[in-house]
Every structure is written in C-alpha cells, then in structure tokens.
Amino acid sequence: MKKTLVIVLVLVLSLGLISVPGFAEQAELNLKYWHAGVGGAELWIGDYEAYKAVPEEDEPGELSCLGIHLLNGVFPELELINKGKLILQFGAGKGLIVSGSYSLFSTVSLGVSYWGLSRADEVTKALDNPGAECEDEGDGWIDRWSNRYYALTLPWLADGENEYQSEYWERRYTDDDYWGYNSEGLITGEGALSMSALDVSGTKALSGASWELGLLGGIRRVVFNQDQSIGFVELEEE
C-alpha cells in the first residue's frame, strides 16, 4: 500500500507541475476514483456442522445427558444444530485511475497512466460450548458438563474431514473447592488482494502531402498480490 501511494503522488505532482497555463495546450491530466468489484476471487476457508448430544431416557420421565459417554468409547446420538460455509469474499470498493499526456513536440507525445485497487476480508467462526447443561449429583459432589460436536471440512486436512469437540466439565465439592475443564475453538480466515498497472507510452506522427501515419509504442508493468491465512485455535482452560 505504501508503494502504491508513492506512485500516485509522483504522478499527480509531476503532471500537475507541467499543467500550468503556459502549457495548457501541451499537457492533460485526469484523476478518477472508480467503483470496481473483483469477480471469481472468493476463497474457501472451510465448512462446519454443529451437533449436540441427544439426551436418553434412563427412567420414565427422566432424561440424562450423554456427553460423558464419549470418554468411554460410546459416541452418543447427535442432533444437528446448524451448519455453514466460511468464504472470503472481495466485494466492490474504491479504486484509483491517474492518467496524463504531454506533447513534447507537435508530432511527438508521451503518455502515462496508472490504475490500482485493493480488497481485504476476514471471517471467523467460534466453536463454542453452551456451558453447564447437564448435572449429576453424588455423595458430597456435583458434576456439571456439556458437549458440542463439530464436523469440520478444512483445506489443510489430508482426509478432508475432522471432528472437534468443544467441552465444558466441572466437579464441585463446595463453592471454594472444585476443578474442571473448558475447551472452545476458533476458526479464522484472512485474505487480501491488490492489483495495479502502470503504462508508459509514446506516439509519433508522420505525414506527407497525401498521407498520415501514426506510430505507438509503450511498456506496461502489472502487479498482482494475493495473501491468504487460515487458522484453527483451540482455547483450553483447566
């Protein structure tokens, strides 16, 4: 971004200095802001499906949570809560066009033009747990827990699928005597892209008694940058 600003300022300053009244017929400067979108640049970050354990009926009229069963190798029946797709999208925004021309002689002119635009976007998804949903009481202690399960499809996974369990669990003896575990996750995606082009061209006019010929040549420098960062963080507290 700093390099882009330097190029724009140099163009505006140099063409502005020669656009004094004495050179009004020799120089021309155009400065435009434009609204341009970037199509086909969406970046897929991942998909997720959130599930919760379905309580089972232990005794008539009583329900218990099944989250703790996973630790014993028994995967509980799950109920789909929601699902979604994480995509970085680069929409429309402001861009900049600077162009100018200068007549060196009556038959020779020099032209310079620059255009540039940049976009950035970020997405996040918290893989949270709902806290103490379930409770079991024993002799002098109380267990509270919850589980939420996520089926993840992320670009960097070799098999394309993964499961993550956000978890909350505590055993409390008294208000001052307890211990537990809390785990949540966070998927983040950040992306940016920028495009710019700088053209320098020259024209030469040739003419005779009954003919005219124009020659045009120039160079173009085009720059395209795209950055993408995807992360998964597990936040644990014990």
Protein backbone atom coordinates (compact mmCIF):
# COMPACT_ATOMS: atom_id res chain seq x y z
CA MET A 1 0.00 0.00 0.00
CA LYS A 2 2.85 2.42 0.72
CA LYS A 3 4.39 1.79 -2.71
CA THR A 4 1.05 2.47 -4.37
CA LEU A 5 0.68 5.80 -2.57
CA VAL A 6 4.17 6.86 -3.62
CA ILE A 7 3.44 6.12 -7.28
CA VAL A 8 0.18 8.05 -7.20
CA LEU A 9 1.72 11.09 -5.53
CA VAL A 10 4.60 11.19 -8.03
CA LEU A 11 2.20 11.07 -10.96
CA VAL A 12 -0.06 13.78 -9.58
CA LEU A 13 2.82 16.00 -8.62
CA SER A 14 4.83 15.72 -11.86
CA LEU A 15 1.84 16.09 -14.17
CA GLY A 16 0.41 18.85 -12.02
CA LEU A 17 3.57 20.92 -12.22
CA ILE A 18 3.60 20.92 -16.01
CA SER A 19 -0.11 21.71 -16.21
CA VAL A 20 0.48 25.42 -15.76
CA PRO A 21 -1.30 27.91 -18.06
CA GLY A 22 1.71 28.19 -20.38
CA PHE A 23 1.48 24.50 -21.15
CA ALA A 24 -2.31 24.20 -21.27
CA GLU A 25 -2.22 23.05 -24.90
CA GLN A 26 0.59 20.58 -24.27
CA ALA A 27 -0.44 18.69 -21.11
CA GLU A 28 -3.53 16.90 -19.89
CA LEU A 29 -4.18 15.26 -16.51
CA ASN A 30 -7.09 13.01 -15.49
CA LEU A 31 -7.72 11.80 -11.95
CA LYS A 32 -10.63 9.42 -11.30
CA TYR A 33 -11.99 7.36 -8.46
CA TRP A 34 -13.90 4.33 -9.58
CA HIS A 35 -16.04 1.62 -8.07
CA ALA A 36 -14.88 -1.81 -9.18
CA GLY A 37 -15.59 -5.32 -7.98
CA VAL A 38 -13.39 -8.39 -8.11
CA GLY A 39 -15.13 -11.45 -9.51
CA GLY A 40 -14.01 -15.04 -9.11
CA ALA A 41 -11.60 -14.30 -6.25
CA GLU A 42 -13.57 -15.91 -3.43
CA LEU A 43 -11.51 -18.14 -1.14
CA TRP A 44 -12.98 -21.17 0.62
CA ILE A 45 -11.97 -21.38 4.29
CA GLY A 46 -13.98 -24.38 5.41
CA ASP A 47 -17.34 -25.93 6.26
CA TYR A 48 -18.71 -26.82 9.67
CA GLU A 49 -21.67 -28.68 11.12
CA ALA A 50 -22.60 -28.26 14.79
CA TYR A 51 -24.24 -31.08 16.74
CA LYS A 52 -25.41 -31.63 20.28
CA ALA A 53 -25.86 -34.88 22.18
CA VAL A 54 -29.45 -36.09 22.37
CA PRO A 55 -30.50 -36.99 25.95
CA GLU A 56 -31.72 -40.52 26.54
CA GLU A 57 -34.43 -41.64 28.92
CA ASP A 58 -32.98 -43.52 31.91
CA GLU A 59 -36.22 -43.93 33.77
CA PRO A 60 -39.77 -42.97 32.88
CA GLY A 61 -39.96 -39.18 32.95
CA GLU A 62 -36.21 -38.68 33.49
CA LEU A 63 -33.62 -37.64 30.92
CA SER A 64 -29.82 -37.59 31.24
CA CYS A 65 -27.08 -36.15 29.04
CA LEU A 66 -24.81 -38.48 27.10
CA GLY A 67 -21.73 -36.30 26.71
CA ILE A 68 -19.64 -38.21 29.23
CA HIS A 69 -20.18 -41.45 27.31
CA LEU A 70 -17.76 -40.34 24.60
CA LEU A 71 -14.89 -40.75 27.04
CA ASN A 72 -15.88 -44.41 27.40
CA GLY A 73 -15.84 -45.04 23.66
CA VAL A 74 -19.58 -44.74 23.14
CA PHE A 75 -20.47 -41.99 20.69
CA PRO A 76 -23.90 -40.60 21.57
CA GLU A 77 -26.70 -39.91 19.17
CA LEU A 78 -26.28 -36.39 17.79
CA GLU A 79 -28.73 -33.76 16.67
CA LEU A 80 -27.76 -31.21 14.02
CA ILE A 81 -27.95 -27.64 15.35
CA ASN A 82 -26.64 -25.61 12.44
CA LYS A 83 -24.10 -25.66 9.64
CA GLY A 84 -22.34 -23.12 7.49
CA LYS A 85 -19.67 -22.33 4.92
CA LEU A 86 -16.83 -19.89 5.57
CA ILE A 87 -15.77 -17.95 2.47
CA LEU A 88 -13.61 -14.87 1.99
CA GLN A 89 -15.38 -12.51 -0.40
CA PHE A 90 -13.84 -9.45 -2.02
CA GLY A 91 -16.61 -7.07 -2.93
CA ALA A 92 -16.74 -3.73 -4.67
CA GLY A 93 -14.85 -0.71 -3.42
CA LYS A 94 -12.96 2.38 -4.45
CA GLY A 95 -10.11 2.31 -6.92
CA LEU A 96 -7.88 4.96 -8.45
CA ILE A 97 -7.03 5.90 -12.03
CA VAL A 98 -4.46 8.56 -12.88
CA SER A 99 -3.60 9.30 -16.50
CA GLY A 100 -1.86 12.10 -18.30
CA SER A 101 -0.21 13.05 -21.57
CA TYR A 102 2.35 15.65 -22.63
CA SER A 103 3.22 16.84 -26.10
CA LEU A 104 6.99 17.06 -26.44
CA PHE A 105 6.72 18.33 -30.00
CA SER A 106 3.87 18.83 -32.42
CA THR A 107 4.32 15.27 -33.68
CA VAL A 108 5.58 13.52 -30.51
CA SER A 109 3.69 12.95 -27.26
CA LEU A 110 4.27 10.96 -24.08
CA GLY A 111 1.51 9.31 -22.03
CA VAL A 112 1.48 7.82 -18.52
CA SER A 113 -1.41 6.06 -16.77
CA TYR A 114 -1.82 4.16 -13.51
CA TRP A 115 -4.72 2.24 -12.03
CA GLY A 116 -4.96 0.27 -8.84
CA LEU A 117 -7.40 -1.38 -6.45
CA SER A 118 -7.13 -3.48 -3.31
CA ARG A 119 -9.54 -5.61 -1.30
CA ALA A 120 -9.44 -7.36 2.08
CA ASP A 121 -11.83 -9.54 4.05
CA GLU A 122 -11.88 -11.77 7.11
CA VAL A 123 -14.22 -14.39 8.57
CA THR A 124 -14.35 -16.10 11.96
CA LYS A 125 -16.35 -18.91 13.47
CA ALA A 126 -16.36 -19.68 17.19
CA LEU A 127 -16.71 -23.36 18.07
CA ASP A 128 -18.18 -22.77 21.49
CA ASN A 129 -19.88 -24.84 24.14
CA PRO A 130 -23.12 -23.89 25.91
CA GLY A 131 -21.69 -24.27 29.42
CA ALA A 132 -23.17 -26.44 32.17
CA GLU A 133 -26.20 -28.03 30.52
CA CYS A 134 -26.18 -31.34 32.36
CA GLU A 135 -25.85 -32.14 36.05
CA ASP A 136 -25.25 -35.25 38.12
CA GLU A 137 -25.11 -35.23 41.92
CA GLY A 138 -23.26 -37.70 44.14
CA ASP A 139 -22.13 -38.03 47.74
CA GLY A 140 -20.66 -34.61 48.51
CA TRP A 141 -20.08 -33.55 44.92
CA ILE A 142 -21.91 -32.25 41.85
CA ASP A 143 -20.80 -32.80 38.25
CA ARG A 144 -21.85 -30.32 35.58
CA TRP A 145 -20.92 -30.71 31.91
CA SER A 146 -21.88 -30.17 28.30
CA ASN A 147 -20.58 -31.22 24.92
CA ARG A 148 -20.94 -29.79 21.48
CA TYR A 149 -19.53 -31.61 18.48
CA TYR A 150 -18.37 -30.10 15.20
CA ALA A 151 -17.75 -31.86 11.91
CA LEU A 152 -15.13 -29.76 10.09
CA THR A 153 -14.02 -29.76 6.47
CA LEU A 154 -10.92 -27.58 6.12
CA PRO A 155 -8.49 -27.13 3.19
CA TRP A 156 -5.36 -28.27 5.01
CA LEU A 157 -6.77 -31.55 6.32
CA ALA A 158 -5.36 -34.53 4.46
CA ASP A 159 -8.58 -36.55 4.53
CA GLY A 160 -10.86 -33.52 4.14
CA GLU A 161 -12.79 -34.25 7.33
CA ASN A 162 -12.23 -33.82 11.03
CA GLU A 163 -14.20 -33.82 14.25
CA TYR A 164 -13.77 -31.35 17.08
CA GLN A 165 -15.43 -31.43 20.48
CA SER A 166 -15.88 -28.23 22.45
CA GLU A 167 -16.25 -29.25 26.06
CA TYR A 168 -17.19 -27.97 29.49
CA TRP A 169 -16.92 -30.08 32.63
CA GLU A 170 -16.58 -29.39 36.33
CA ARG A 171 -16.78 -31.31 39.60
CA ARG A 172 -17.71 -29.14 42.55
CA TYR A 173 -17.41 -30.16 46.20
CA THR A 174 -18.04 -26.72 47.67
CA ASP A 175 -18.13 -23.21 46.27
CA ASP A 176 -14.41 -22.92 47.02
CA ASP A 177 -13.38 -26.50 46.23
CA TYR A 178 -13.84 -27.55 42.63
CA TRP A 179 -11.94 -28.33 39.46
CA GLY A 180 -12.90 -28.60 35.81
CA TYR A 181 -12.03 -28.24 32.16
CA ASN A 182 -13.23 -25.85 29.46
CA SER A 183 -12.37 -26.13 25.75
CA GLU A 184 -13.52 -23.97 22.84
CA GLY A 185 -12.20 -23.48 19.31
CA LEU A 186 -11.91 -20.68 16.79
CA ILE A 187 -11.54 -20.82 13.01
CA THR A 188 -10.18 -17.65 11.40
CA GLY A 189 -9.61 -16.70 7.80
CA GLU A 190 -7.97 -13.55 6.47
CA GLY A 191 -7.30 -12.61 2.89
CA ALA A 192 -6.20 -9.64 0.81
CA LEU A 193 -5.54 -8.98 -2.84
CA SER A 194 -4.26 -6.00 -4.78
CA MET A 195 -3.85 -5.24 -8.45
CA SER A 196 -2.19 -2.38 -10.26
CA ALA A 197 -0.87 -1.47 -13.69
CA LEU A 198 1.48 1.28 -14.83
CA ASP A 199 1.62 2.19 -18.54
CA VAL A 200 4.15 4.43 -20.23
CA SER A 201 3.59 5.06 -23.93
CA GLY A 202 4.79 7.35 -26.72
CA THR A 203 3.29 8.35 -30.05
CA LYS A 204 4.95 9.66 -33.19
CA ALA A 205 3.01 11.18 -36.07
CA LEU A 206 4.36 11.09 -39.63
CA SER A 207 2.66 12.76 -42.56
CA GLY A 208 3.19 13.67 -46.18
CA ALA A 209 1.37 15.55 -48.88
CA SER A 210 -1.42 12.99 -49.06
CA TRP A 211 -0.81 10.52 -46.23
CA GLU A 212 -0.59 10.28 -42.46
CA LEU A 213 0.96 7.59 -40.29
CA GLY A 214 0.91 7.20 -36.51
CA LEU A 215 3.32 5.03 -34.51
CA LEU A 216 2.53 3.96 -30.94
CA GLY A 217 4.71 2.03 -28.51
CA GLY A 218 4.99 1.56 -24.79
CA ILE A 219 5.54 -0.69 -21.80
CA ARG A 220 3.21 -1.98 -19.09
CA ARG A 221 4.04 -3.19 -15.59
CA VAL A 222 1.30 -5.23 -13.90
CA VAL A 223 1.40 -6.35 -10.26
CA PHE A 224 -0.98 -8.85 -8.65
CA ASN A 225 -0.68 -9.91 -5.00
CA GLN A 226 -2.89 -12.27 -3.05
CA ASP A 227 -2.44 -13.35 0.58
CA GLN A 228 -4.42 -15.95 2.48
CA SER A 229 -4.19 -17.04 6.09
CA ILE A 230 -6.32 -19.76 7.71
CA GLY A 231 -6.01 -20.79 11.33
CA PHE A 232 -7.62 -23.06 13.86
CA VAL A 233 -7.04 -22.36 17.54
CA GLU A 234 -8.16 -24.46 20.49
CA LEU A 235 -8.67 -22.45 23.67
CA GLU A 236 -8.31 -24.57 26.79
CA GLU A 237 -8.66 -23.76 30.46
CA GLU A 238 -8.22 -26.28 33.27
